[in-house]
Amino acid sequence: MSKKVLIVDDDPDVRMFNATVVEECGYTPIEAANGEEGLKILKKTPPDLVTLDVLMPKQNGLRLYRELKSNKSLVGIPVIMLSGIAKRTFLRSQKALTEFGGKAVPEPESYLEKPVEPDDLAREIKKFLD
């Protein structure tokens, strides 16, 4: 049975691009259009890897990432953050959430800034699943 990759992004074109790369790597893509939908899938059938956009409606990627890294049953799932936001801005946002009463969470295992080249995404996916 092939490993599953959950793709969480509100842009259907980005989901299709990511799903194509996942399939070309030999894995099964599962798609979610926002963080809320992604969380439901994560709790029902946890994938082997998550690609996660930061800016989305209905629970953004920051909140979903924090949930992933603070939920005991989900914490072991690696996450590749894919965003148009610079990594240091993402980390600053995580730090601000921690200062406002949230628990500190680790940095993402991987952070790729959009637009992402197919070879770069494939390399990151294989790093976690091969």
N, C-alpha and C. Protein backbone atom coordinates (compact mmCIF):
# COMPACT_ATOMS: atom_id res chain seq x y z
N MET A 1 0.84 -1.19 0.00
CA MET A 1 0.00 0.00 0.00
C MET A 1 0.88 1.25 0.00
N SER A 2 0.56 2.17 -0.86
CA SER A 2 1.37 3.37 -1.00
C SER A 2 1.15 4.33 0.16
N LYS A 3 2.20 5.09 0.47
CA LYS A 3 2.11 6.07 1.55
C LYS A 3 1.23 7.23 1.10
N LYS A 4 0.56 7.86 2.09
CA LYS A 4 -0.38 8.94 1.79
C LYS A 4 0.20 10.30 2.17
N VAL A 5 -0.06 11.28 1.30
CA VAL A 5 0.36 12.66 1.56
C VAL A 5 -0.89 13.54 1.55
N LEU A 6 -1.15 14.21 2.66
CA LEU A 6 -2.27 15.15 2.74
C LEU A 6 -1.79 16.51 2.26
N ILE A 7 -2.47 17.04 1.26
CA ILE A 7 -2.16 18.34 0.68
C ILE A 7 -3.23 19.32 1.14
N VAL A 8 -2.84 20.30 1.95
CA VAL A 8 -3.79 21.29 2.48
C VAL A 8 -3.46 22.64 1.88
N ASP A 9 -4.31 23.10 0.97
CA ASP A 9 -4.10 24.39 0.31
C ASP A 9 -5.44 24.87 -0.24
N ASP A 10 -5.72 26.16 -0.12
CA ASP A 10 -7.00 26.69 -0.60
C ASP A 10 -7.01 26.93 -2.12
N ASP A 11 -5.86 26.90 -2.76
CA ASP A 11 -5.78 27.14 -4.21
C ASP A 11 -5.86 25.80 -4.96
N PRO A 12 -6.93 25.59 -5.73
CA PRO A 12 -7.08 24.31 -6.44
C PRO A 12 -5.95 24.01 -7.41
N ASP A 13 -5.36 25.05 -8.02
CA ASP A 13 -4.24 24.84 -8.93
C ASP A 13 -3.01 24.33 -8.19
N VAL A 14 -2.77 24.88 -7.00
CA VAL A 14 -1.63 24.44 -6.19
C VAL A 14 -1.87 23.00 -5.72
N ARG A 15 -3.10 22.69 -5.31
CA ARG A 15 -3.40 21.30 -4.90
C ARG A 15 -3.15 20.34 -6.05
N MET A 16 -3.58 20.71 -7.25
CA MET A 16 -3.40 19.83 -8.41
C MET A 16 -1.90 19.66 -8.71
N PHE A 17 -1.14 20.74 -8.65
CA PHE A 17 0.31 20.68 -8.87
C PHE A 17 0.96 19.75 -7.85
N ASN A 18 0.64 19.97 -6.57
CA ASN A 18 1.22 19.15 -5.51
C ASN A 18 0.81 17.68 -5.64
N ALA A 19 -0.46 17.45 -5.97
CA ALA A 19 -0.95 16.07 -6.13
C ALA A 19 -0.21 15.37 -7.27
N THR A 20 0.06 16.09 -8.34
CA THR A 20 0.80 15.52 -9.47
C THR A 20 2.22 15.12 -9.04
N VAL A 21 2.88 15.99 -8.31
CA VAL A 21 4.23 15.68 -7.82
C VAL A 21 4.19 14.47 -6.88
N VAL A 22 3.21 14.43 -5.98
CA VAL A 22 3.07 13.31 -5.04
C VAL A 22 2.88 12.00 -5.82
N GLU A 23 2.00 12.01 -6.82
CA GLU A 23 1.75 10.80 -7.62
C GLU A 23 3.00 10.38 -8.39
N GLU A 24 3.73 11.35 -8.93
CA GLU A 24 4.95 11.03 -9.67
C GLU A 24 6.02 10.43 -8.77
N CYS A 25 5.95 10.73 -7.48
CA CYS A 25 6.88 10.15 -6.50
C CYS A 25 6.42 8.74 -6.08
N GLY A 26 5.21 8.35 -6.50
CA GLY A 26 4.72 7.02 -6.17
C GLY A 26 3.85 6.94 -4.92
N TYR A 27 3.36 8.09 -4.47
CA TYR A 27 2.53 8.13 -3.27
C TYR A 27 1.10 8.52 -3.62
N THR A 28 0.21 8.39 -2.64
CA THR A 28 -1.20 8.70 -2.83
C THR A 28 -1.52 10.08 -2.25
N PRO A 29 -1.99 11.03 -3.09
CA PRO A 29 -2.37 12.34 -2.56
C PRO A 29 -3.80 12.33 -2.01
N ILE A 30 -3.98 13.07 -0.92
CA ILE A 30 -5.30 13.33 -0.35
C ILE A 30 -5.38 14.85 -0.25
N GLU A 31 -6.49 15.43 -0.70
CA GLU A 31 -6.56 16.89 -0.75
C GLU A 31 -7.56 17.47 0.25
N ALA A 32 -7.19 18.64 0.80
CA ALA A 32 -8.09 19.40 1.66
C ALA A 32 -7.98 20.87 1.25
N ALA A 33 -9.12 21.56 1.18
CA ALA A 33 -9.15 22.94 0.69
C ALA A 33 -8.88 23.99 1.77
N ASN A 34 -8.84 23.56 3.04
CA ASN A 34 -8.56 24.51 4.12
C ASN A 34 -8.14 23.73 5.37
N GLY A 35 -7.73 24.47 6.40
CA GLY A 35 -7.24 23.84 7.62
C GLY A 35 -8.29 23.04 8.35
N GLU A 36 -9.53 23.51 8.32
CA GLU A 36 -10.63 22.81 9.00
C GLU A 36 -10.84 21.42 8.36
N GLU A 37 -10.90 21.40 7.04
CA GLU A 37 -11.07 20.14 6.30
C GLU A 37 -9.85 19.24 6.52
N GLY A 38 -8.67 19.84 6.51
CA GLY A 38 -7.43 19.09 6.74
C GLY A 38 -7.42 18.41 8.10
N LEU A 39 -7.86 19.12 9.13
CA LEU A 39 -7.88 18.56 10.48
C LEU A 39 -8.83 17.37 10.58
N LYS A 40 -9.98 17.46 9.93
CA LYS A 40 -10.93 16.34 9.93
C LYS A 40 -10.29 15.10 9.32
N ILE A 41 -9.60 15.28 8.19
CA ILE A 41 -8.94 14.16 7.53
C ILE A 41 -7.82 13.61 8.41
N LEU A 42 -7.04 14.50 9.01
CA LEU A 42 -5.94 14.07 9.87
C LEU A 42 -6.42 13.19 11.02
N LYS A 43 -7.54 13.58 11.63
CA LYS A 43 -8.06 12.83 12.77
C LYS A 43 -8.71 11.51 12.35
N LYS A 44 -9.27 11.48 11.14
CA LYS A 44 -9.96 10.28 10.66
C LYS A 44 -8.98 9.25 10.09
N THR A 45 -8.12 9.68 9.20
CA THR A 45 -7.13 8.78 8.57
C THR A 45 -5.79 9.50 8.46
N PRO A 46 -4.98 9.45 9.51
CA PRO A 46 -3.70 10.18 9.50
C PRO A 46 -2.81 9.75 8.32
N PRO A 47 -2.27 10.74 7.59
CA PRO A 47 -1.39 10.45 6.46
C PRO A 47 0.05 10.22 6.95
N ASP A 48 0.93 9.94 6.02
CA ASP A 48 2.35 9.75 6.34
C ASP A 48 3.12 11.06 6.29
N LEU A 49 2.53 12.06 5.63
CA LEU A 49 3.17 13.36 5.44
C LEU A 49 2.09 14.39 5.13
N VAL A 50 2.33 15.65 5.51
CA VAL A 50 1.40 16.75 5.20
C VAL A 50 2.16 17.85 4.49
N THR A 51 1.59 18.36 3.37
CA THR A 51 2.07 19.62 2.80
C THR A 51 1.02 20.65 3.18
N LEU A 52 1.46 21.79 3.68
CA LEU A 52 0.54 22.73 4.31
C LEU A 52 0.82 24.17 3.90
N ASP A 53 -0.20 24.83 3.37
CA ASP A 53 -0.13 26.25 3.05
C ASP A 53 -0.35 27.03 4.34
N VAL A 54 0.18 28.24 4.42
CA VAL A 54 0.02 29.06 5.63
C VAL A 54 -1.26 29.89 5.59
N LEU A 55 -1.48 30.62 4.51
CA LEU A 55 -2.64 31.52 4.44
C LEU A 55 -3.82 30.83 3.77
N MET A 56 -4.84 30.53 4.58
CA MET A 56 -6.06 29.87 4.07
C MET A 56 -7.25 30.32 4.92
N PRO A 57 -8.44 30.26 4.33
CA PRO A 57 -9.65 30.52 5.13
C PRO A 57 -9.97 29.30 5.99
N LYS A 58 -10.90 29.45 6.91
CA LYS A 58 -11.37 28.34 7.76
C LYS A 58 -10.21 27.59 8.40
N GLN A 59 -9.56 28.20 9.32
CA GLN A 59 -8.40 27.69 10.05
C GLN A 59 -7.18 27.71 9.14
N ASN A 60 -6.35 28.71 9.37
CA ASN A 60 -5.16 28.87 8.54
C ASN A 60 -4.10 27.83 8.88
N GLY A 61 -3.05 27.83 8.09
CA GLY A 61 -1.97 26.86 8.26
C GLY A 61 -1.22 27.00 9.57
N LEU A 62 -1.12 28.23 10.09
CA LEU A 62 -0.46 28.42 11.39
C LEU A 62 -1.18 27.63 12.48
N ARG A 63 -2.48 27.76 12.52
CA ARG A 63 -3.26 27.07 13.56
C ARG A 63 -3.25 25.56 13.36
N LEU A 64 -3.38 25.11 12.12
CA LEU A 64 -3.35 23.68 11.86
C LEU A 64 -1.98 23.10 12.20
N TYR A 65 -0.92 23.83 11.89
CA TYR A 65 0.43 23.37 12.22
C TYR A 65 0.57 23.23 13.74
N ARG A 66 0.09 24.23 14.47
CA ARG A 66 0.16 24.16 15.95
C ARG A 66 -0.62 22.95 16.47
N GLU A 67 -1.78 22.68 15.89
CA GLU A 67 -2.59 21.53 16.29
C GLU A 67 -1.82 20.23 16.02
N LEU A 68 -1.21 20.15 14.85
CA LEU A 68 -0.43 18.96 14.49
C LEU A 68 0.70 18.71 15.47
N LYS A 69 1.39 19.77 15.86
CA LYS A 69 2.57 19.62 16.71
C LYS A 69 2.25 19.60 18.20
N SER A 70 0.98 19.79 18.57
CA SER A 70 0.62 19.72 19.99
C SER A 70 -0.33 18.57 20.30
N ASN A 71 -0.81 17.87 19.28
CA ASN A 71 -1.72 16.74 19.46
C ASN A 71 -0.89 15.45 19.49
N LYS A 72 -0.96 14.72 20.61
CA LYS A 72 -0.12 13.53 20.79
C LYS A 72 -0.26 12.51 19.66
N SER A 73 -1.45 12.37 19.11
CA SER A 73 -1.65 11.35 18.07
C SER A 73 -1.19 11.83 16.69
N LEU A 74 -0.92 13.12 16.53
CA LEU A 74 -0.54 13.67 15.22
C LEU A 74 0.90 14.19 15.17
N VAL A 75 1.52 14.36 16.33
CA VAL A 75 2.82 15.04 16.42
C VAL A 75 3.92 14.38 15.59
N GLY A 76 3.83 13.10 15.33
CA GLY A 76 4.88 12.41 14.59
C GLY A 76 4.79 12.54 13.08
N ILE A 77 3.74 13.17 12.58
CA ILE A 77 3.57 13.32 11.13
C ILE A 77 4.43 14.49 10.65
N PRO A 78 5.38 14.23 9.73
CA PRO A 78 6.20 15.34 9.24
C PRO A 78 5.36 16.31 8.40
N VAL A 79 5.78 17.58 8.42
CA VAL A 79 5.05 18.64 7.72
C VAL A 79 6.01 19.41 6.82
N ILE A 80 5.61 19.57 5.57
CA ILE A 80 6.31 20.46 4.64
C ILE A 80 5.42 21.69 4.49
N MET A 81 5.89 22.82 4.99
CA MET A 81 5.16 24.07 4.83
C MET A 81 5.46 24.61 3.44
N LEU A 82 4.41 24.98 2.72
CA LEU A 82 4.54 25.58 1.38
C LEU A 82 3.82 26.91 1.43
N SER A 83 4.57 28.00 1.27
CA SER A 83 3.91 29.28 1.42
C SER A 83 4.60 30.39 0.64
N GLY A 84 3.83 31.40 0.31
CA GLY A 84 4.37 32.61 -0.29
C GLY A 84 4.96 33.52 0.78
N ILE A 85 4.77 33.17 2.04
CA ILE A 85 5.30 33.94 3.16
C ILE A 85 6.72 33.47 3.45
N ALA A 86 7.62 34.41 3.69
CA ALA A 86 9.00 34.05 4.03
C ALA A 86 9.03 33.25 5.33
N LYS A 87 9.97 32.33 5.42
CA LYS A 87 10.07 31.45 6.59
C LYS A 87 10.22 32.26 7.88
N ARG A 88 11.02 33.32 7.86
CA ARG A 88 11.22 34.08 9.11
C ARG A 88 9.93 34.76 9.56
N THR A 89 9.08 35.15 8.61
CA THR A 89 7.77 35.74 8.98
C THR A 89 6.89 34.67 9.62
N PHE A 90 6.90 33.46 9.07
CA PHE A 90 6.16 32.34 9.66
C PHE A 90 6.64 32.09 11.09
N LEU A 91 7.95 32.03 11.27
CA LEU A 91 8.50 31.75 12.60
C LEU A 91 8.17 32.87 13.59
N ARG A 92 8.18 34.10 13.11
CA ARG A 92 7.81 35.23 13.97
C ARG A 92 6.34 35.10 14.39
N SER A 93 5.47 34.68 13.47
CA SER A 93 4.06 34.48 13.80
C SER A 93 3.88 33.38 14.82
N GLN A 94 4.63 32.30 14.68
CA GLN A 94 4.57 31.19 15.65
C GLN A 94 5.01 31.69 17.02
N LYS A 95 6.07 32.48 17.05
CA LYS A 95 6.58 33.02 18.31
C LYS A 95 5.53 33.93 18.97
N ALA A 96 4.87 34.76 18.17
CA ALA A 96 3.83 35.65 18.70
C ALA A 96 2.68 34.83 19.29
N LEU A 97 2.26 33.76 18.63
CA LEU A 97 1.19 32.91 19.16
C LEU A 97 1.60 32.29 20.49
N THR A 98 2.87 31.92 20.62
CA THR A 98 3.38 31.34 21.86
C THR A 98 3.33 32.38 22.98
N GLU A 99 3.70 33.61 22.66
CA GLU A 99 3.71 34.68 23.66
C GLU A 99 2.30 35.02 24.15
N PHE A 100 1.29 34.73 23.34
CA PHE A 100 -0.08 35.00 23.74
C PHE A 100 -0.75 33.78 24.35
N GLY A 101 0.03 32.99 25.06
CA GLY A 101 -0.55 31.90 25.83
C GLY A 101 -0.52 30.54 25.16
N GLY A 102 -0.01 30.45 23.96
CA GLY A 102 0.08 29.15 23.32
C GLY A 102 1.35 28.44 23.74
N LYS A 103 1.39 27.13 23.55
CA LYS A 103 2.60 26.37 23.83
C LYS A 103 3.57 26.55 22.68
N ALA A 104 4.86 26.54 22.99
CA ALA A 104 5.87 26.61 21.94
C ALA A 104 5.79 25.35 21.09
N VAL A 105 5.98 25.49 19.80
CA VAL A 105 5.99 24.34 18.89
C VAL A 105 7.29 24.36 18.11
N PRO A 106 7.76 23.19 17.69
CA PRO A 106 9.01 23.15 16.92
C PRO A 106 8.85 23.75 15.53
N GLU A 107 9.97 24.12 14.95
CA GLU A 107 9.95 24.60 13.56
C GLU A 107 9.50 23.47 12.65
N PRO A 108 8.93 23.81 11.50
CA PRO A 108 8.54 22.76 10.55
C PRO A 108 9.77 21.97 10.10
N GLU A 109 9.56 20.70 9.80
CA GLU A 109 10.65 19.86 9.31
C GLU A 109 11.19 20.38 7.98
N SER A 110 10.32 21.05 7.22
CA SER A 110 10.70 21.59 5.93
C SER A 110 9.83 22.82 5.63
N TYR A 111 10.43 23.82 5.01
CA TYR A 111 9.70 25.03 4.65
C TYR A 111 10.14 25.46 3.26
N LEU A 112 9.20 25.43 2.31
CA LEU A 112 9.49 25.83 0.94
C LEU A 112 8.65 27.05 0.59
N GLU A 113 9.31 28.07 0.04
CA GLU A 113 8.58 29.27 -0.37
C GLU A 113 8.06 29.10 -1.79
N LYS A 114 6.78 29.50 -1.99
CA LYS A 114 6.16 29.44 -3.31
C LYS A 114 6.72 30.57 -4.17
N PRO A 115 6.83 30.39 -5.46
CA PRO A 115 6.49 29.17 -6.20
C PRO A 115 7.56 28.10 -6.00
N VAL A 116 7.13 26.86 -5.90
CA VAL A 116 8.03 25.73 -5.66
C VAL A 116 8.28 24.99 -6.97
N GLU A 117 9.51 24.64 -7.19
CA GLU A 117 9.87 23.84 -8.37
C GLU A 117 9.47 22.38 -8.10
N PRO A 118 8.96 21.66 -9.08
CA PRO A 118 8.55 20.27 -8.88
C PRO A 118 9.67 19.39 -8.32
N ASP A 119 10.89 19.58 -8.81
CA ASP A 119 12.01 18.77 -8.32
C ASP A 119 12.31 19.03 -6.85
N ASP A 120 12.18 20.29 -6.41
CA ASP A 120 12.42 20.62 -5.01
C ASP A 120 11.37 19.98 -4.11
N LEU A 121 10.12 20.05 -4.53
CA LEU A 121 9.05 19.44 -3.74
C LEU A 121 9.22 17.92 -3.70
N ALA A 122 9.52 17.32 -4.84
CA ALA A 122 9.72 15.86 -4.89
C ALA A 122 10.86 15.45 -3.98
N ARG A 123 11.95 16.19 -3.98
CA ARG A 123 13.09 15.88 -3.12
C ARG A 123 12.70 15.92 -1.64
N GLU A 124 11.94 16.94 -1.25
CA GLU A 124 11.52 17.06 0.15
C GLU A 124 10.58 15.90 0.53
N ILE A 125 9.64 15.58 -0.34
CA ILE A 125 8.70 14.48 -0.06
C ILE A 125 9.46 13.18 0.13
N LYS A 126 10.37 12.89 -0.78
CA LYS A 126 11.13 11.63 -0.72
C LYS A 126 12.03 11.59 0.52
N LYS A 127 12.50 12.74 0.95
CA LYS A 127 13.35 12.82 2.15
C LYS A 127 12.61 12.22 3.37
N PHE A 128 11.30 12.43 3.42
CA PHE A 128 10.53 11.97 4.57
C PHE A 128 9.92 10.59 4.37
N LEU A 129 9.67 10.18 3.13
CA LEU A 129 8.91 8.95 2.90
C LEU A 129 9.72 7.79 2.31
N ASP A 130 10.92 8.05 1.80
CA ASP A 130 11.72 6.95 1.26
C ASP A 130 12.58 6.32 2.34
